[in-house]
Amino acid sequence: TNFKEMYWSMNQQLAHHTVTGCNLRPGDLLASGTLSGAEKNSYGSLLELAWGGKEPLELPNGERRSFLEDGDTVILTGYAQGDGYRIGLGEVRGTILPAEALPE
């Protein structure tokens, strides 16, 4: 898929965040969200790939999953490119932690 298919530009998304008081600061990461296509092989999120949990994915190790689980690590990478260049934007990663217990 391609960013040109997005409904809202990054400028519009940034304006939407900040007009409501979101305290964005230099260095903050603002992601566009899922860029998906119309075909199953171009879906951009686990939720879409697993059809809302109804069609689990089979992982290379044979495990079947519909959702992220505690301990899973999510890694985002990206790049920008044009005629004759490609710039890597690095990597952002985070690990899903278990929810804290509610006080009784």
PDB file of N, CA and C in Angstrom:
ATOM      1  N   THR A   1       0.842  -1.187   0.000  1.00  0.00           N
ATOM      2  CA  THR A   1       0.000   0.000   0.000  1.00  0.00           C
ATOM      3  C   THR A   1       0.882   1.244   0.000  1.00  0.00           C
ATOM      4  N   ASN A   2       0.252   2.384  -0.079  1.00  0.00           N
ATOM      5  CA  ASN A   2       0.988   3.620  -0.223  1.00  0.00           C
ATOM      6  C   ASN A   2       0.291   4.715   0.571  1.00  0.00           C
ATOM      7  N   PHE A   3       1.088   5.640   1.107  1.00  0.00           N
ATOM      8  CA  PHE A   3       0.520   6.719   1.912  1.00  0.00           C
ATOM      9  C   PHE A   3      -0.463   7.574   1.119  1.00  0.00           C
ATOM     10  N   LYS A   4      -0.359   7.580  -0.200  1.00  0.00           N
ATOM     11  CA  LYS A   4      -1.282   8.388  -1.003  1.00  0.00           C
ATOM     12  C   LYS A   4      -2.724   7.921  -0.851  1.00  0.00           C
ATOM     13  N   GLU A   5      -2.940   6.718  -0.301  1.00  0.00           N
ATOM     14  CA  GLU A   5      -4.281   6.182  -0.104  1.00  0.00           C
ATOM     15  C   GLU A   5      -4.916   6.644   1.211  1.00  0.00           C
ATOM     16  N   MET A   6      -4.165   7.383   2.032  1.00  0.00           N
ATOM     17  CA  MET A   6      -4.675   7.825   3.329  1.00  0.00           C
ATOM     18  C   MET A   6      -5.786   8.858   3.155  1.00  0.00           C
ATOM     19  N   TYR A   7      -6.747   8.846   4.084  1.00  0.00           N
ATOM     20  CA  TYR A   7      -7.827   9.829   4.076  1.00  0.00           C
ATOM     21  C   TYR A   7      -7.318  11.211   4.492  1.00  0.00           C
ATOM     22  N   TRP A   8      -6.423  11.241   5.496  1.00  0.00           N
ATOM     23  CA  TRP A   8      -5.953  12.497   6.071  1.00  0.00           C
ATOM     24  C   TRP A   8      -4.440  12.586   5.918  1.00  0.00           C
ATOM     25  N   SER A   9      -3.933  13.769   5.565  1.00  0.00           N
ATOM     26  CA  SER A   9      -2.487  13.984   5.461  1.00  0.00           C
ATOM     27  C   SER A   9      -1.883  14.028   6.865  1.00  0.00           C
ATOM     28  N   MET A  10      -0.546  13.919   6.950  1.00  0.00           N
ATOM     29  CA  MET A  10       0.097  14.029   8.264  1.00  0.00           C
ATOM     30  C   MET A  10      -0.108  15.428   8.838  1.00  0.00           C
ATOM     31  N   ASN A  11      -0.130  16.455   7.995  1.00  0.00           N
ATOM     32  CA  ASN A  11      -0.402  17.811   8.489  1.00  0.00           C
ATOM     33  C   ASN A  11      -1.778  17.884   9.138  1.00  0.00           C
ATOM     34  N   GLN A  12      -2.773  17.260   8.527  1.00  0.00           N
ATOM     35  CA  GLN A  12      -4.122  17.249   9.095  1.00  0.00           C
ATOM     36  C   GLN A  12      -4.158  16.447  10.393  1.00  0.00           C
ATOM     37  N   GLN A  13      -3.449  15.326  10.444  1.00  0.00           N
ATOM     38  CA  GLN A  13      -3.418  14.516  11.659  1.00  0.00           C
ATOM     39  C   GLN A  13      -2.730  15.268  12.799  1.00  0.00           C
ATOM     40  N   LEU A  14      -1.643  15.961  12.488  1.00  0.00           N
ATOM     41  CA  LEU A  14      -0.942  16.758  13.488  1.00  0.00           C
ATOM     42  C   LEU A  14      -1.850  17.872  14.012  1.00  0.00           C
ATOM     43  N   ALA A  15      -2.535  18.556  13.109  1.00  0.00           N
ATOM     44  CA  ALA A  15      -3.458  19.622  13.520  1.00  0.00           C
ATOM     45  C   ALA A  15      -4.567  19.065  14.404  1.00  0.00           C
ATOM     46  N   HIS A  16      -5.105  17.912  14.056  1.00  0.00           N
ATOM     47  CA  HIS A  16      -6.165  17.290  14.849  1.00  0.00           C
ATOM     48  C   HIS A  16      -5.681  17.000  16.269  1.00  0.00           C
ATOM     49  N   HIS A  17      -4.464  16.478  16.395  1.00  0.00           N
ATOM     50  CA  HIS A  17      -3.916  16.195  17.728  1.00  0.00           C
ATOM     51  C   HIS A  17      -3.755  17.470  18.547  1.00  0.00           C
ATOM     52  N   THR A  18      -3.107  18.463  17.958  1.00  0.00           N
ATOM     53  CA  THR A  18      -2.735  19.634  18.742  1.00  0.00           C
ATOM     54  C   THR A  18      -3.906  20.562  19.041  1.00  0.00           C
ATOM     55  N   VAL A  19      -4.917  20.613  18.190  1.00  0.00           N
ATOM     56  CA  VAL A  19      -6.049  21.501  18.431  1.00  0.00           C
ATOM     57  C   VAL A  19      -6.832  21.077  19.674  1.00  0.00           C
ATOM     58  N   THR A  20      -6.717  19.819  20.068  1.00  0.00           N
ATOM     59  CA  THR A  20      -7.429  19.330  21.251  1.00  0.00           C
ATOM     60  C   THR A  20      -6.555  19.352  22.501  1.00  0.00           C
ATOM     61  N   GLY A  21      -5.350  19.944  22.387  1.00  0.00           N
ATOM     62  CA  GLY A  21      -4.501  20.099  23.557  1.00  0.00           C
ATOM     63  C   GLY A  21      -3.454  19.023  23.738  1.00  0.00           C
ATOM     64  N   CYS A  22      -3.305  18.123  22.791  1.00  0.00           N
ATOM     65  CA  CYS A  22      -2.275  17.091  22.886  1.00  0.00           C
ATOM     66  C   CYS A  22      -0.906  17.764  22.962  1.00  0.00           C
ATOM     67  N   ASN A  23      -0.121  17.411  23.942  1.00  0.00           N
ATOM     68  CA  ASN A  23       1.154  18.070  24.202  1.00  0.00           C
ATOM     69  C   ASN A  23       2.277  17.440  23.378  1.00  0.00           C
ATOM     70  N   LEU A  24       2.205  17.551  22.053  1.00  0.00           N
ATOM     71  CA  LEU A  24       3.283  17.047  21.201  1.00  0.00           C
ATOM     72  C   LEU A  24       4.505  17.937  21.357  1.00  0.00           C
ATOM     73  N   ARG A  25       5.687  17.294  21.431  1.00  0.00           N
ATOM     74  CA  ARG A  25       6.932  18.034  21.589  1.00  0.00           C
ATOM     75  C   ARG A  25       7.948  17.545  20.574  1.00  0.00           C
ATOM     76  N   PRO A  26       9.011  18.315  20.329  1.00  0.00           N
ATOM     77  CA  PRO A  26      10.040  17.867  19.389  1.00  0.00           C
ATOM     78  C   PRO A  26      10.550  16.476  19.766  1.00  0.00           C
ATOM     79  N   GLY A  27      10.646  15.610  18.775  1.00  0.00           N
ATOM     80  CA  GLY A  27      11.113  14.244  19.005  1.00  0.00           C
ATOM     81  C   GLY A  27      10.001  13.245  19.228  1.00  0.00           C
ATOM     82  N   ASP A  28       8.765  13.707  19.464  1.00  0.00           N
ATOM     83  CA  ASP A  28       7.645  12.779  19.633  1.00  0.00           C
ATOM     84  C   ASP A  28       7.364  12.067  18.316  1.00  0.00           C
ATOM     85  N   LEU A  29       6.977  10.810  18.414  1.00  0.00           N
ATOM     86  CA  LEU A  29       6.640  10.017  17.240  1.00  0.00           C
ATOM     87  C   LEU A  29       5.143  10.111  16.990  1.00  0.00           C
ATOM     88  N   LEU A  30       4.767  10.492  15.795  1.00  0.00           N
ATOM     89  CA  LEU A  30       3.364  10.542  15.398  1.00  0.00           C
ATOM     90  C   LEU A  30       3.196   9.574  14.242  1.00  0.00           C
ATOM     91  N   ALA A  31       2.473   8.495  14.465  1.00  0.00           N
ATOM     92  CA  ALA A  31       2.293   7.470  13.437  1.00  0.00           C
ATOM     93  C   ALA A  31       0.953   7.654  12.746  1.00  0.00           C
ATOM     94  N   SER A  32       0.903   7.270  11.500  1.00  0.00           N
ATOM     95  CA  SER A  32      -0.300   7.457  10.695  1.00  0.00           C
ATOM     96  C   SER A  32      -1.356   6.399  10.949  1.00  0.00           C
ATOM     97  N   GLY A  33      -0.964   5.279  11.487  1.00  0.00           N
ATOM     98  CA  GLY A  33      -1.889   4.166  11.640  1.00  0.00           C
ATOM     99  C   GLY A  33      -1.708   3.175  10.514  1.00  0.00           C
ATOM    100  N   THR A  34      -2.616   2.258  10.417  1.00  0.00           N
ATOM    101  CA  THR A  34      -2.512   1.171   9.455  1.00  0.00           C
ATOM    102  C   THR A  34      -2.717   1.656   8.030  1.00  0.00           C
ATOM    103  N   LEU A  35      -1.802   1.297   7.151  1.00  0.00           N
ATOM    104  CA  LEU A  35      -1.968   1.530   5.714  1.00  0.00           C
ATOM    105  C   LEU A  35      -2.316   0.194   5.092  1.00  0.00           C
ATOM    106  N   SER A  36      -3.557   0.017   4.760  1.00  0.00           N
ATOM    107  CA  SER A  36      -4.034  -1.263   4.252  1.00  0.00           C
ATOM    108  C   SER A  36      -4.511  -1.138   2.820  1.00  0.00           C
ATOM    109  N   GLY A  37      -4.482  -2.263   2.130  1.00  0.00           N
ATOM    110  CA  GLY A  37      -5.034  -2.336   0.788  1.00  0.00           C
ATOM    111  C   GLY A  37      -6.322  -3.134   0.798  1.00  0.00           C
ATOM    112  N   ALA A  38      -6.916  -3.282  -0.360  1.00  0.00           N
ATOM    113  CA  ALA A  38      -8.198  -3.970  -0.468  1.00  0.00           C
ATOM    114  C   ALA A  38      -8.058  -5.488  -0.471  1.00  0.00           C
ATOM    115  N   GLU A  39      -6.891  -6.002  -0.814  1.00  0.00           N
ATOM    116  CA  GLU A  39      -6.673  -7.446  -0.901  1.00  0.00           C
ATOM    117  C   GLU A  39      -6.142  -7.986   0.418  1.00  0.00           C
ATOM    118  N   LYS A  40      -6.472  -9.233   0.741  1.00  0.00           N
ATOM    119  CA  LYS A  40      -6.068  -9.823   2.014  1.00  0.00           C
ATOM    120  C   LYS A  40      -4.555  -9.775   2.213  1.00  0.00           C
ATOM    121  N   ASN A  41      -3.785  -9.945   1.134  1.00  0.00           N
ATOM    122  CA  ASN A  41      -2.331  -9.926   1.290  1.00  0.00           C
ATOM    123  C   ASN A  41      -1.774  -8.518   1.479  1.00  0.00           C
ATOM    124  N   SER A  42      -2.637  -7.502   1.477  1.00  0.00           N
ATOM    125  CA  SER A  42      -2.171  -6.135   1.699  1.00  0.00           C
ATOM    126  C   SER A  42      -2.756  -5.518   2.965  1.00  0.00           C
ATOM    127  N   TYR A  43      -3.393  -6.331   3.812  1.00  0.00           N
ATOM    128  CA  TYR A  43      -3.890  -5.815   5.085  1.00  0.00           C
ATOM    129  C   TYR A  43      -2.701  -5.375   5.930  1.00  0.00           C
ATOM    130  N   GLY A  44      -2.890  -4.331   6.720  1.00  0.00           N
ATOM    131  CA  GLY A  44      -1.774  -3.747   7.439  1.00  0.00           C
ATOM    132  C   GLY A  44      -1.780  -3.937   8.938  1.00  0.00           C
ATOM    133  N   SER A  45      -2.700  -4.719   9.478  1.00  0.00           N
ATOM    134  CA  SER A  45      -2.717  -4.917  10.925  1.00  0.00           C
ATOM    135  C   SER A  45      -3.122  -6.346  11.253  1.00  0.00           C
ATOM    136  N   LEU A  46      -2.733  -6.781  12.440  1.00  0.00           N
ATOM    137  CA  LEU A  46      -3.109  -8.116  12.901  1.00  0.00           C
ATOM    138  C   LEU A  46      -4.629  -8.232  13.008  1.00  0.00           C
ATOM    139  N   LEU A  47      -5.292  -7.170  13.433  1.00  0.00           N
ATOM    140  CA  LEU A  47      -6.750  -7.192  13.552  1.00  0.00           C
ATOM    141  C   LEU A  47      -7.404  -7.490  12.206  1.00  0.00           C
ATOM    142  N   GLU A  48      -6.892  -6.873  11.145  1.00  0.00           N
ATOM    143  CA  GLU A  48      -7.433  -7.134   9.810  1.00  0.00           C
ATOM    144  C   GLU A  48      -7.052  -8.525   9.318  1.00  0.00           C
ATOM    145  N   LEU A  49      -5.781  -8.893   9.507  1.00  0.00           N
ATOM    146  CA  LEU A  49      -5.315 -10.197   9.024  1.00  0.00           C
ATOM    147  C   LEU A  49      -6.073 -11.347   9.673  1.00  0.00           C
ATOM    148  N   ALA A  50      -6.407 -11.197  10.965  1.00  0.00           N
ATOM    149  CA  ALA A  50      -7.131 -12.248  11.689  1.00  0.00           C
ATOM    150  C   ALA A  50      -8.641 -12.017  11.639  1.00  0.00           C
ATOM    151  N   TRP A  51      -9.064 -11.092  10.807  1.00  0.00           N
ATOM    152  CA  TRP A  51     -10.482 -10.778  10.609  1.00  0.00           C
ATOM    153  C   TRP A  51     -11.207 -10.580  11.943  1.00  0.00           C
ATOM    154  N   GLY A  52     -10.627  -9.681  12.763  1.00  0.00           N
ATOM    155  CA  GLY A  52     -11.230  -9.363  14.050  1.00  0.00           C
ATOM    156  C   GLY A  52     -11.182 -10.507  15.045  1.00  0.00           C
ATOM    157  N   GLY A  53     -10.242 -11.435  14.870  1.00  0.00           N
ATOM    158  CA  GLY A  53     -10.105 -12.573  15.774  1.00  0.00           C
ATOM    159  C   GLY A  53     -10.826 -13.820  15.306  1.00  0.00           C
ATOM    160  N   LYS A  54     -11.581 -13.730  14.222  1.00  0.00           N
ATOM    161  CA  LYS A  54     -12.370 -14.870  13.739  1.00  0.00           C
ATOM    162  C   LYS A  54     -11.559 -15.851  12.900  1.00  0.00           C
ATOM    163  N   GLU A  55     -10.451 -15.387  12.318  1.00  0.00           N
ATOM    164  CA  GLU A  55      -9.619 -16.239  11.469  1.00  0.00           C
ATOM    165  C   GLU A  55      -8.167 -16.146  11.930  1.00  0.00           C
ATOM    166  N   PRO A  56      -7.775 -16.922  12.952  1.00  0.00           N
ATOM    167  CA  PRO A  56      -6.411 -16.825  13.479  1.00  0.00           C
ATOM    168  C   PRO A  56      -5.356 -17.043  12.393  1.00  0.00           C
ATOM    169  N   LEU A  57      -4.231 -16.371  12.569  1.00  0.00           N
ATOM    170  CA  LEU A  57      -3.088 -16.543  11.679  1.00  0.00           C
ATOM    171  C   LEU A  57      -2.246 -17.708  12.166  1.00  0.00           C
ATOM    172  N   GLU A  58      -1.641 -18.409  11.234  1.00  0.00           N
ATOM    173  CA  GLU A  58      -0.688 -19.444  11.631  1.00  0.00           C
ATOM    174  C   GLU A  58       0.710 -18.860  11.496  1.00  0.00           C
ATOM    175  N   LEU A  59       1.443 -18.854  12.609  1.00  0.00           N
ATOM    176  CA  LEU A  59       2.801 -18.339  12.632  1.00  0.00           C
ATOM    177  C   LEU A  59       3.764 -19.396  12.101  1.00  0.00           C
ATOM    178  N   PRO A  60       4.987 -18.999  11.746  1.00  0.00           N
ATOM    179  CA  PRO A  60       5.958 -19.963  11.217  1.00  0.00           C
ATOM    180  C   PRO A  60       6.212 -21.162  12.136  1.00  0.00           C
ATOM    181  N   ASN A  61       6.036 -20.979  13.460  1.00  0.00           N
ATOM    182  CA  ASN A  61       6.257 -22.088  14.400  1.00  0.00           C
ATOM    183  C   ASN A  61       5.017 -22.969  14.569  1.00  0.00           C
ATOM    184  N   GLY A  62       3.945 -22.688  13.810  1.00  0.00           N
ATOM    185  CA  GLY A  62       2.723 -23.486  13.876  1.00  0.00           C
ATOM    186  C   GLY A  62       1.680 -22.958  14.841  1.00  0.00           C
ATOM    187  N   GLU A  63       2.070 -22.020  15.697  1.00  0.00           N
ATOM    188  CA  GLU A  63       1.125 -21.429  16.652  1.00  0.00           C
ATOM    189  C   GLU A  63       0.078 -20.609  15.898  1.00  0.00           C
ATOM    190  N   ARG A  64      -1.172 -20.644  16.388  1.00  0.00           N
ATOM    191  CA  ARG A  64      -2.258 -19.866  15.779  1.00  0.00           C
ATOM    192  C   ARG A  64      -2.612 -18.720  16.723  1.00  0.00           C
ATOM    193  N   ARG A  65      -2.651 -17.499  16.176  1.00  0.00           N
ATOM    194  CA  ARG A  65      -2.896 -16.313  16.995  1.00  0.00           C
ATOM    195  C   ARG A  65      -3.884 -15.383  16.320  1.00  0.00           C
ATOM    196  N   SER A  66      -4.728 -14.749  17.140  1.00  0.00           N
ATOM    197  CA  SER A  66      -5.665 -13.734  16.665  1.00  0.00           C
ATOM    198  C   SER A  66      -5.328 -12.343  17.188  1.00  0.00           C
ATOM    199  N   PHE A  67      -4.669 -12.278  18.325  1.00  0.00           N
ATOM    200  CA  PHE A  67      -4.386 -11.008  18.976  1.00  0.00           C
ATOM    201  C   PHE A  67      -2.982 -11.036  19.558  1.00  0.00           C
ATOM    202  N   LEU A  68      -2.444  -9.852  19.859  1.00  0.00           N
ATOM    203  CA  LEU A  68      -1.185  -9.773  20.582  1.00  0.00           C
ATOM    204  C   LEU A  68      -1.398 -10.282  21.996  1.00  0.00           C
ATOM    205  N   GLU A  69      -0.323 -10.790  22.591  1.00  0.00           N
ATOM    206  CA  GLU A  69      -0.402 -11.319  23.955  1.00  0.00           C
ATOM    207  C   GLU A  69       0.705 -10.716  24.807  1.00  0.00           C
ATOM    208  N   ASP A  70       0.537 -10.823  26.129  1.00  0.00           N
ATOM    209  CA  ASP A  70       1.572 -10.369  27.047  1.00  0.00           C
ATOM    210  C   ASP A  70       2.904 -10.991  26.651  1.00  0.00           C
ATOM    211  N   GLY A  71       3.948 -10.177  26.647  1.00  0.00           N
ATOM    212  CA  GLY A  71       5.281 -10.648  26.295  1.00  0.00           C
ATOM    213  C   GLY A  71       5.629 -10.478  24.823  1.00  0.00           C
ATOM    214  N   ASP A  72       4.633 -10.232  23.974  1.00  0.00           N
ATOM    215  CA  ASP A  72       4.917 -10.003  22.552  1.00  0.00           C
ATOM    216  C   ASP A  72       5.659  -8.673  22.389  1.00  0.00           C
ATOM    217  N   THR A  73       6.588  -8.635  21.457  1.00  0.00           N
ATOM    218  CA  THR A  73       7.293  -7.405  21.120  1.00  0.00           C
ATOM    219  C   THR A  73       6.847  -6.950  19.739  1.00  0.00           C
ATOM    220  N   VAL A  74       6.446  -5.691  19.648  1.00  0.00           N
ATOM    221  CA  VAL A  74       6.028  -5.089  18.381  1.00  0.00           C
ATOM    222  C   VAL A  74       7.170  -4.197  17.901  1.00  0.00           C
ATOM    223  N   ILE A  75       7.555  -4.358  16.642  1.00  0.00           N
ATOM    224  CA  ILE A  75       8.643  -3.578  16.060  1.00  0.00           C
ATOM    225  C   ILE A  75       8.106  -2.820  14.847  1.00  0.00           C
ATOM    226  N   LEU A  76       8.281  -1.501  14.861  1.00  0.00           N
ATOM    227  CA  LEU A  76       7.893  -0.657  13.733  1.00  0.00           C
ATOM    228  C   LEU A  76       9.152  -0.142  13.055  1.00  0.00           C
ATOM    229  N   THR A  77       9.212  -0.257  11.741  1.00  0.00           N
ATOM    230  CA  THR A  77      10.303   0.313  10.958  1.00  0.00           C
ATOM    231  C   THR A  77       9.685   1.070   9.793  1.00  0.00           C
ATOM    232  N   GLY A  78      10.453   1.924   9.201  1.00  0.00           N
ATOM    233  CA  GLY A  78       9.925   2.645   8.056  1.00  0.00           C
ATOM    234  C   GLY A  78      11.022   3.318   7.269  1.00  0.00           C
ATOM    235  N   TYR A  79      10.642   3.838   6.136  1.00  0.00           N
ATOM    236  CA  TYR A  79      11.577   4.571   5.296  1.00  0.00           C
ATOM    237  C   TYR A  79      10.801   5.537   4.412  1.00  0.00           C
ATOM    238  N   ALA A  80      11.520   6.522   3.929  1.00  0.00           N
ATOM    239  CA  ALA A  80      10.995   7.449   2.926  1.00  0.00           C
ATOM    240  C   ALA A  80      11.879   7.303   1.700  1.00  0.00           C
ATOM    241  N   GLN A  81      11.263   7.331   0.540  1.00  0.00           N
ATOM    242  CA  GLN A  81      12.084   7.202  -0.661  1.00  0.00           C
ATOM    243  C   GLN A  81      11.543   8.064  -1.779  1.00  0.00           C
ATOM    244  N   GLY A  82      12.412   8.336  -2.692  1.00  0.00           N
ATOM    245  CA  GLY A  82      12.075   9.089  -3.893  1.00  0.00           C
ATOM    246  C   GLY A  82      13.009   8.647  -4.999  1.00  0.00           C
ATOM    247  N   ASP A  83      13.015   9.376  -6.074  1.00  0.00           N
ATOM    248  CA  ASP A  83      13.888   9.030  -7.192  1.00  0.00           C
ATOM    249  C   ASP A  83      15.351   9.075  -6.760  1.00  0.00           C
ATOM    250  N   GLY A  84      15.993   7.923  -6.729  1.00  0.00           N
ATOM    251  CA  GLY A  84      17.417   7.850  -6.444  1.00  0.00           C
ATOM    252  C   GLY A  84      17.813   7.892  -4.986  1.00  0.00           C
ATOM    253  N   TYR A  85      16.863   7.875  -4.054  1.00  0.00           N
ATOM    254  CA  TYR A  85      17.249   7.852  -2.639  1.00  0.00           C
ATOM    255  C   TYR A  85      16.249   7.052  -1.811  1.00  0.00           C
ATOM    256  N   ARG A  86      16.737   6.578  -0.687  1.00  0.00           N
ATOM    257  CA  ARG A  86      15.902   5.901   0.306  1.00  0.00           C
ATOM    258  C   ARG A  86      16.512   6.188   1.670  1.00  0.00           C
ATOM    259  N   ILE A  87      15.716   6.711   2.582  1.00  0.00           N
ATOM    260  CA  ILE A  87      16.188   7.093   3.908  1.00  0.00           C
ATOM    261  C   ILE A  87      15.474   6.239   4.942  1.00  0.00           C
ATOM    262  N   GLY A  88      16.238   5.468   5.703  1.00  0.00           N
ATOM    263  CA  GLY A  88      15.670   4.671   6.782  1.00  0.00           C
ATOM    264  C   GLY A  88      15.306   5.543   7.964  1.00  0.00           C
ATOM    265  N   LEU A  89      14.187   5.255   8.584  1.00  0.00           N
ATOM    266  CA  LEU A  89      13.712   6.045   9.719  1.00  0.00           C
ATOM    267  C   LEU A  89      13.965   5.355  11.048  1.00  0.00           C
ATOM    268  N   GLY A  90      14.742   4.276  11.023  1.00  0.00           N
ATOM    269  CA  GLY A  90      15.084   3.598  12.259  1.00  0.00           C
ATOM    270  C   GLY A  90      14.016   2.626  12.707  1.00  0.00           C
ATOM    271  N   GLU A  91      14.081   2.285  13.980  1.00  0.00           N
ATOM    272  CA  GLU A  91      13.218   1.246  14.538  1.00  0.00           C
ATOM    273  C   GLU A  91      12.654   1.714  15.874  1.00  0.00           C
ATOM    274  N   VAL A  92      11.393   1.416  16.095  1.00  0.00           N
ATOM    275  CA  VAL A  92      10.748   1.642  17.388  1.00  0.00           C
ATOM    276  C   VAL A  92      10.195   0.305  17.824  1.00  0.00           C
ATOM    277  N   ARG A  93      10.446  -0.084  19.085  1.00  0.00           N
ATOM    278  CA  ARG A  93       9.931  -1.365  19.556  1.00  0.00           C
ATOM    279  C   ARG A  93       9.369  -1.221  20.959  1.00  0.00           C
ATOM    280  N   GLY A  94       8.389  -2.043  21.244  1.00  0.00           N
ATOM    281  CA  GLY A  94       7.781  -2.072  22.569  1.00  0.00           C
ATOM    282  C   GLY A  94       7.273  -3.466  22.866  1.00  0.00           C
ATOM    283  N   THR A  95       7.303  -3.833  24.130  1.00  0.00           N
ATOM    284  CA  THR A  95       6.862  -5.161  24.559  1.00  0.00           C
ATOM    285  C   THR A  95       5.564  -5.032  25.345  1.00  0.00           C
ATOM    286  N   ILE A  96       4.602  -5.891  25.041  1.00  0.00           N
ATOM    287  CA  ILE A  96       3.310  -5.893  25.725  1.00  0.00           C
ATOM    288  C   ILE A  96       3.509  -6.421  27.142  1.00  0.00           C
ATOM    289  N   LEU A  97       3.126  -5.617  28.130  1.00  0.00           N
ATOM    290  CA  LEU A  97       3.226  -6.018  29.534  1.00  0.00           C
ATOM    291  C   LEU A  97       1.856  -6.435  30.043  1.00  0.00           C
ATOM    292  N   PRO A  98       1.825  -7.327  31.038  1.00  0.00           N
ATOM    293  CA  PRO A  98       0.525  -7.709  31.607  1.00  0.00           C
ATOM    294  C   PRO A  98      -0.127  -6.508  32.298  1.00  0.00           C
ATOM    295  N   ALA A  99      -1.435  -6.487  32.282  1.00  0.00           N
ATOM    296  CA  ALA A  99      -2.170  -5.428  32.973  1.00  0.00           C
ATOM    297  C   ALA A  99      -1.937  -5.535  34.470  1.00  0.00           C
ATOM    298  N   GLU A 100      -1.904  -4.394  35.128  1.00  0.00           N
ATOM    299  CA  GLU A 100      -1.776  -4.401  36.582  1.00  0.00           C
ATOM    300  C   GLU A 100      -3.105  -4.824  37.196  1.00  0.00           C
ATOM    301  N   ALA A 101      -3.015  -5.534  38.299  1.00  0.00           N
ATOM    302  CA  ALA A 101      -4.224  -5.983  38.997  1.00  0.00           C
ATOM    303  C   ALA A 101      -4.958  -4.773  39.582  1.00  0.00           C
ATOM    304  N   LEU A 102      -6.276  -4.799  39.515  1.00  0.00           N
ATOM    305  CA  LEU A 102      -7.083  -3.740  40.109  1.00  0.00           C
ATOM    306  C   LEU A 102      -7.090  -3.897  41.624  1.00  0.00           C
ATOM    307  N   PRO A 103      -7.068  -2.790  42.354  1.00  0.00           N
ATOM    308  CA  PRO A 103      -7.155  -2.896  43.810  1.00  0.00           C
ATOM    309  C   PRO A 103      -8.507  -3.473  44.220  1.00  0.00           C
ATOM    310  N   GLU A 104      -8.480  -4.234  45.266  1.00  0.00           N
ATOM    311  CA  GLU A 104      -9.737  -4.856  45.731  1.00  0.00           C
ATOM    312  C   GLU A 104     -10.514  -3.935  46.619  1.00  0.00           C
TER     313      GLU A 104
END
